[in-house]
């Protein structure tokens, strides 16, 4: 460890910055995707082939898929504490479900500018377009199976 007088903190910080070659861009998190995939074309057969890549773990990471400009047609909050978000995407008339676990606060922070004390995540996101990172999975319930996206990251689409 080291000790430093508080009065010398600024001098120490300045000298660290002077010796660094880091740029602001170097500190921006970057994501590497394996493929851009339209979720509407993911089938159970695709998932079966994807499962042949398992087991995932260190040295064999789970593939990261991405898609842009997905239209959000419905938003539901799930769980006892309503801290999980289910997004229904309308992809050219086909509805695809995505689950974003423990994301309610993250998404509320994204859409709430502080001007509306009763901001509703459902109303704020419905009809908007977003970009997501995801991993597809098969959800089976009561004998019925459907493709479901496990969302790992989310942003509103840049429409500029």
C-alpha atoms as a PDB file:
ATOM      1  CA  UNK A   1       0.000   0.000   0.000  1.00  0.00           C
ATOM      2  CA  UNK A   2       0.926   3.618   0.161  1.00  0.00           C
ATOM      3  CA  UNK A   3       0.120   6.695   2.174  1.00  0.00           C
ATOM      4  CA  UNK A   4      -0.508  10.170   0.834  1.00  0.00           C
ATOM      5  CA  UNK A   5      -1.293  13.456   2.484  1.00  0.00           C
ATOM      6  CA  UNK A   6      -4.700  14.661   1.331  1.00  0.00           C
ATOM      7  CA  UNK A   7      -3.185  17.999   0.338  1.00  0.00           C
ATOM      8  CA  UNK A   8      -0.997  16.174  -2.227  1.00  0.00           C
ATOM      9  CA  UNK A   9      -3.871  14.257  -3.850  1.00  0.00           C
ATOM     10  CA  UNK A  10      -4.344  16.715  -6.755  1.00  0.00           C
ATOM     11  CA  UNK A  11      -0.604  16.767  -7.523  1.00  0.00           C
ATOM     12  CA  UNK A  12      -0.526  12.965  -7.447  1.00  0.00           C
ATOM     13  CA  UNK A  13      -3.592  12.702  -9.692  1.00  0.00           C
ATOM     14  CA  UNK A  14      -2.177  15.207 -12.212  1.00  0.00           C
ATOM     15  CA  UNK A  15       1.117  13.347 -12.462  1.00  0.00           C
ATOM     16  CA  UNK A  16      -0.706  10.054 -13.060  1.00  0.00           C
ATOM     17  CA  UNK A  17      -2.742  11.633 -15.863  1.00  0.00           C
ATOM     18  CA  UNK A  18       0.350  13.188 -17.483  1.00  0.00           C
ATOM     19  CA  UNK A  19       2.065   9.811 -17.667  1.00  0.00           C
ATOM     20  CA  UNK A  20      -0.948   8.037 -19.129  1.00  0.00           C
ATOM     21  CA  UNK A  21      -1.615   7.463 -22.806  1.00  0.00           C
ATOM     22  CA  UNK A  22      -5.270   6.613 -22.199  1.00  0.00           C
ATOM     23  CA  UNK A  23      -7.843   8.556 -24.142  1.00  0.00           C
ATOM     24  CA  UNK A  24     -11.490   8.934 -23.087  1.00  0.00           C
ATOM     25  CA  UNK A  25     -12.449   6.362 -25.757  1.00  0.00           C
ATOM     26  CA  UNK A  26     -10.140   3.812 -24.126  1.00  0.00           C
ATOM     27  CA  UNK A  27     -12.297   3.932 -21.011  1.00  0.00           C
ATOM     28  CA  UNK A  28     -15.588   3.450 -22.848  1.00  0.00           C
ATOM     29  CA  UNK A  29     -16.835  -0.140 -22.473  1.00  0.00           C
ATOM     30  CA  UNK A  30     -16.890  -2.035 -25.745  1.00  0.00           C
ATOM     31  CA  UNK A  31     -18.955  -5.084 -26.586  1.00  0.00           C
ATOM     32  CA  UNK A  32     -17.944  -7.708 -29.103  1.00  0.00           C
ATOM     33  CA  UNK A  33     -20.865  -9.453 -30.750  1.00  0.00           C
ATOM     34  CA  UNK A  34     -20.656 -12.797 -32.490  1.00  0.00           C
ATOM     35  CA  UNK A  35     -23.494 -12.116 -34.931  1.00  0.00           C
ATOM     36  CA  UNK A  36     -26.327  -9.779 -35.709  1.00  0.00           C
ATOM     37  CA  UNK A  37     -29.427 -11.962 -35.817  1.00  0.00           C
ATOM     38  CA  UNK A  38     -33.045 -11.136 -36.549  1.00  0.00           C
ATOM     39  CA  UNK A  39     -34.867 -12.718 -33.573  1.00  0.00           C
ATOM     40  CA  UNK A  40     -37.936 -13.416 -35.720  1.00  0.00           C
ATOM     41  CA  UNK A  41     -36.063 -16.089 -37.679  1.00  0.00           C
ATOM     42  CA  UNK A  42     -34.747 -18.012 -34.658  1.00  0.00           C
ATOM     43  CA  UNK A  43     -36.344 -21.451 -34.529  1.00  0.00           C
ATOM     44  CA  UNK A  44     -36.189 -24.428 -32.211  1.00  0.00           C
ATOM     45  CA  UNK A  45     -33.955 -26.112 -34.805  1.00  0.00           C
ATOM     46  CA  UNK A  46     -31.538 -23.151 -34.632  1.00  0.00           C
ATOM     47  CA  UNK A  47     -31.464 -23.464 -30.837  1.00  0.00           C
ATOM     48  CA  UNK A  48     -30.759 -27.197 -31.043  1.00  0.00           C
ATOM     49  CA  UNK A  49     -27.759 -26.485 -33.282  1.00  0.00           C
ATOM     50  CA  UNK A  50     -26.615 -23.716 -30.968  1.00  0.00           C
ATOM     51  CA  UNK A  51     -26.785 -26.121 -28.023  1.00  0.00           C
ATOM     52  CA  UNK A  52     -24.154 -28.331 -29.684  1.00  0.00           C
ATOM     53  CA  UNK A  53     -21.614 -25.594 -28.837  1.00  0.00           C
ATOM     54  CA  UNK A  54     -22.147 -26.203 -25.109  1.00  0.00           C
ATOM     55  CA  UNK A  55     -20.885 -26.412 -22.446  1.00  0.00           C
ATOM     56  CA  UNK A  56     -20.219 -22.701 -22.160  1.00  0.00           C
ATOM     57  CA  UNK A  57     -17.770 -21.335 -19.659  1.00  0.00           C
ATOM     58  CA  UNK A  58     -14.220 -20.087 -19.442  1.00  0.00           C
ATOM     59  CA  UNK A  59     -12.555 -20.500 -22.830  1.00  0.00           C
ATOM     60  CA  UNK A  60     -15.892 -21.199 -24.542  1.00  0.00           C
ATOM     61  CA  UNK A  61     -18.071 -18.190 -23.901  1.00  0.00           C
ATOM     62  CA  UNK A  62     -21.737 -18.103 -24.731  1.00  0.00           C
ATOM     63  CA  UNK A  63     -22.245 -16.389 -28.118  1.00  0.00           C
ATOM     64  CA  UNK A  64     -23.428 -12.782 -28.012  1.00  0.00           C
ATOM     65  CA  UNK A  65     -26.128 -11.890 -30.523  1.00  0.00           C
ATOM     66  CA  UNK A  66     -27.405  -8.425 -31.333  1.00  0.00           C
ATOM     67  CA  UNK A  67     -30.175  -6.721 -33.253  1.00  0.00           C
ATOM     68  CA  UNK A  68     -31.023  -3.101 -33.869  1.00  0.00           C
ATOM     69  CA  UNK A  69     -34.203  -1.087 -34.254  1.00  0.00           C
ATOM     70  CA  UNK A  70     -36.587  -3.574 -32.654  1.00  0.00           C
ATOM     71  CA  UNK A  71     -40.071  -2.133 -32.119  1.00  0.00           C
ATOM     72  CA  UNK A  72     -41.327  -2.575 -28.552  1.00  0.00           C
ATOM     73  CA  UNK A  73     -45.028  -3.396 -28.662  1.00  0.00           C
ATOM     74  CA  UNK A  74     -45.537  -4.298 -24.999  1.00  0.00           C
ATOM     75  CA  UNK A  75     -43.719  -4.055 -21.669  1.00  0.00           C
ATOM     76  CA  UNK A  76     -44.544  -6.116 -18.576  1.00  0.00           C
ATOM     77  CA  UNK A  77     -42.881  -6.012 -15.174  1.00  0.00           C
ATOM     78  CA  UNK A  78     -42.423  -9.445 -13.614  1.00  0.00           C
ATOM     79  CA  UNK A  79     -41.443 -10.936 -10.292  1.00  0.00           C
ATOM     80  CA  UNK A  80     -42.518 -10.344  -6.733  1.00  0.00           C
ATOM     81  CA  UNK A  81     -40.640  -7.036  -6.680  1.00  0.00           C
ATOM     82  CA  UNK A  82     -41.395  -6.187 -10.340  1.00  0.00           C
ATOM     83  CA  UNK A  83     -37.649  -6.033 -11.004  1.00  0.00           C
ATOM     84  CA  UNK A  84     -37.631  -8.094 -14.220  1.00  0.00           C
ATOM     85  CA  UNK A  85     -38.819  -6.746 -17.563  1.00  0.00           C
ATOM     86  CA  UNK A  86     -40.551  -8.668 -20.340  1.00  0.00           C
ATOM     87  CA  UNK A  87     -40.440  -6.895 -23.686  1.00  0.00           C
ATOM     88  CA  UNK A  88     -42.586  -8.007 -26.608  1.00  0.00           C
ATOM     89  CA  UNK A  89     -41.061  -7.005 -29.934  1.00  0.00           C
ATOM     90  CA  UNK A  90     -43.108  -6.629 -33.112  1.00  0.00           C
ATOM     91  CA  UNK A  91     -40.779  -7.751 -35.885  1.00  0.00           C
ATOM     92  CA  UNK A  92     -42.689  -7.319 -39.147  1.00  0.00           C
ATOM     93  CA  UNK A  93     -45.843  -8.745 -37.593  1.00  0.00           C
ATOM     94  CA  UNK A  94     -44.151 -11.576 -35.692  1.00  0.00           C
ATOM     95  CA  UNK A  95     -44.108 -11.130 -31.920  1.00  0.00           C
ATOM     96  CA  UNK A  96     -40.951 -12.181 -30.094  1.00  0.00           C
ATOM     97  CA  UNK A  97     -40.565 -12.142 -26.320  1.00  0.00           C
ATOM     98  CA  UNK A  98     -37.466 -10.960 -24.506  1.00  0.00           C
ATOM     99  CA  UNK A  99     -36.682 -11.113 -20.798  1.00  0.00           C
ATOM    100  CA  UNK A 100     -34.301  -8.670 -19.176  1.00  0.00           C
ATOM    101  CA  UNK A 101     -33.641  -9.820 -15.619  1.00  0.00           C
ATOM    102  CA  UNK A 102     -33.099  -7.304 -12.791  1.00  0.00           C
ATOM    103  CA  UNK A 103     -33.487  -4.442 -15.298  1.00  0.00           C
ATOM    104  CA  UNK A 104     -36.454  -2.397 -14.081  1.00  0.00           C
ATOM    105  CA  UNK A 105     -34.327   0.225 -12.321  1.00  0.00           C
ATOM    106  CA  UNK A 106     -31.810   0.350 -15.189  1.00  0.00           C
ATOM    107  CA  UNK A 107     -34.540   0.976 -17.756  1.00  0.00           C
ATOM    108  CA  UNK A 108     -36.364   3.472 -15.530  1.00  0.00           C
ATOM    109  CA  UNK A 109     -33.123   5.442 -15.187  1.00  0.00           C
ATOM    110  CA  UNK A 110     -32.821   5.385 -18.979  1.00  0.00           C
ATOM    111  CA  UNK A 111     -36.283   6.837 -19.660  1.00  0.00           C
ATOM    112  CA  UNK A 112     -36.790   9.072 -16.607  1.00  0.00           C
ATOM    113  CA  UNK A 113     -35.415  12.583 -17.008  1.00  0.00           C
ATOM    114  CA  UNK A 114     -36.734  13.545 -13.580  1.00  0.00           C
ATOM    115  CA  UNK A 115     -39.550  15.742 -14.890  1.00  0.00           C
ATOM    116  CA  UNK A 116     -42.318  13.195 -14.309  1.00  0.00           C
ATOM    117  CA  UNK A 117     -42.617  11.762 -10.766  1.00  0.00           C
ATOM    118  CA  UNK A 118     -44.980   9.005 -11.953  1.00  0.00           C
ATOM    119  CA  UNK A 119     -43.002   7.805 -14.963  1.00  0.00           C
ATOM    120  CA  UNK A 120     -44.298   4.464 -16.252  1.00  0.00           C
ATOM    121  CA  UNK A 121     -41.781   2.147 -17.835  1.00  0.00           C
ATOM    122  CA  UNK A 122     -44.539   0.486 -19.805  1.00  0.00           C
ATOM    123  CA  UNK A 123     -45.760   3.764 -21.328  1.00  0.00           C
ATOM    124  CA  UNK A 124     -42.266   5.168 -21.812  1.00  0.00           C
ATOM    125  CA  UNK A 125     -40.977   2.212 -23.861  1.00  0.00           C
ATOM    126  CA  UNK A 126     -44.059   1.071 -25.774  1.00  0.00           C
ATOM    127  CA  UNK A 127     -43.765   2.095 -29.421  1.00  0.00           C
ATOM    128  CA  UNK A 128     -40.058   2.918 -29.120  1.00  0.00           C
ATOM    129  CA  UNK A 129     -37.259   1.152 -30.975  1.00  0.00           C
ATOM    130  CA  UNK A 130     -34.294  -0.384 -29.224  1.00  0.00           C
ATOM    131  CA  UNK A 131     -31.039  -2.214 -29.820  1.00  0.00           C
ATOM    132  CA  UNK A 132     -30.336  -5.311 -27.731  1.00  0.00           C
ATOM    133  CA  UNK A 133     -27.700  -7.884 -26.948  1.00  0.00           C
ATOM    134  CA  UNK A 134     -29.226 -11.265 -26.266  1.00  0.00           C
ATOM    135  CA  UNK A 135     -28.945 -15.018 -26.120  1.00  0.00           C
ATOM    136  CA  UNK A 136     -31.886 -17.043 -27.450  1.00  0.00           C
ATOM    137  CA  UNK A 137     -33.443 -19.768 -25.354  1.00  0.00           C
ATOM    138  CA  UNK A 138     -36.423 -22.085 -25.498  1.00  0.00           C
ATOM    139  CA  UNK A 139     -39.150 -21.438 -22.933  1.00  0.00           C
ATOM    140  CA  UNK A 140     -41.404 -24.431 -22.334  1.00  0.00           C
ATOM    141  CA  UNK A 141     -44.538 -23.961 -20.247  1.00  0.00           C
ATOM    142  CA  UNK A 142     -47.585 -26.257 -20.040  1.00  0.00           C
ATOM    143  CA  UNK A 143     -46.237 -28.324 -22.929  1.00  0.00           C
ATOM    144  CA  UNK A 144     -45.935 -25.321 -25.254  1.00  0.00           C
ATOM    145  CA  UNK A 145     -42.479 -24.155 -26.353  1.00  0.00           C
ATOM    146  CA  UNK A 146     -41.466 -20.813 -27.792  1.00  0.00           C
ATOM    147  CA  UNK A 147     -38.267 -18.956 -28.508  1.00  0.00           C
ATOM    148  CA  UNK A 148     -37.472 -16.371 -25.872  1.00  0.00           C
ATOM    149  CA  UNK A 149     -34.586 -13.904 -25.817  1.00  0.00           C
ATOM    150  CA  UNK A 150     -32.530 -13.450 -22.687  1.00  0.00           C
ATOM    151  CA  UNK A 151     -31.515  -9.811 -22.982  1.00  0.00           C
ATOM    152  CA  UNK A 152     -28.090  -8.932 -21.625  1.00  0.00           C
ATOM    153  CA  UNK A 153     -27.934  -5.279 -22.673  1.00  0.00           C
ATOM    154  CA  UNK A 154     -30.347  -2.665 -23.971  1.00  0.00           C
ATOM    155  CA  UNK A 155     -30.332   0.825 -25.422  1.00  0.00           C
ATOM    156  CA  UNK A 156     -32.855   2.978 -27.181  1.00  0.00           C
ATOM    157  CA  UNK A 157     -32.129   3.092 -30.909  1.00  0.00           C
ATOM    158  CA  UNK A 158     -30.400   6.159 -32.262  1.00  0.00           C
ATOM    159  CA  UNK A 159     -32.926   7.553 -34.703  1.00  0.00           C
ATOM    160  CA  UNK A 160     -30.811  10.495 -35.806  1.00  0.00           C
END
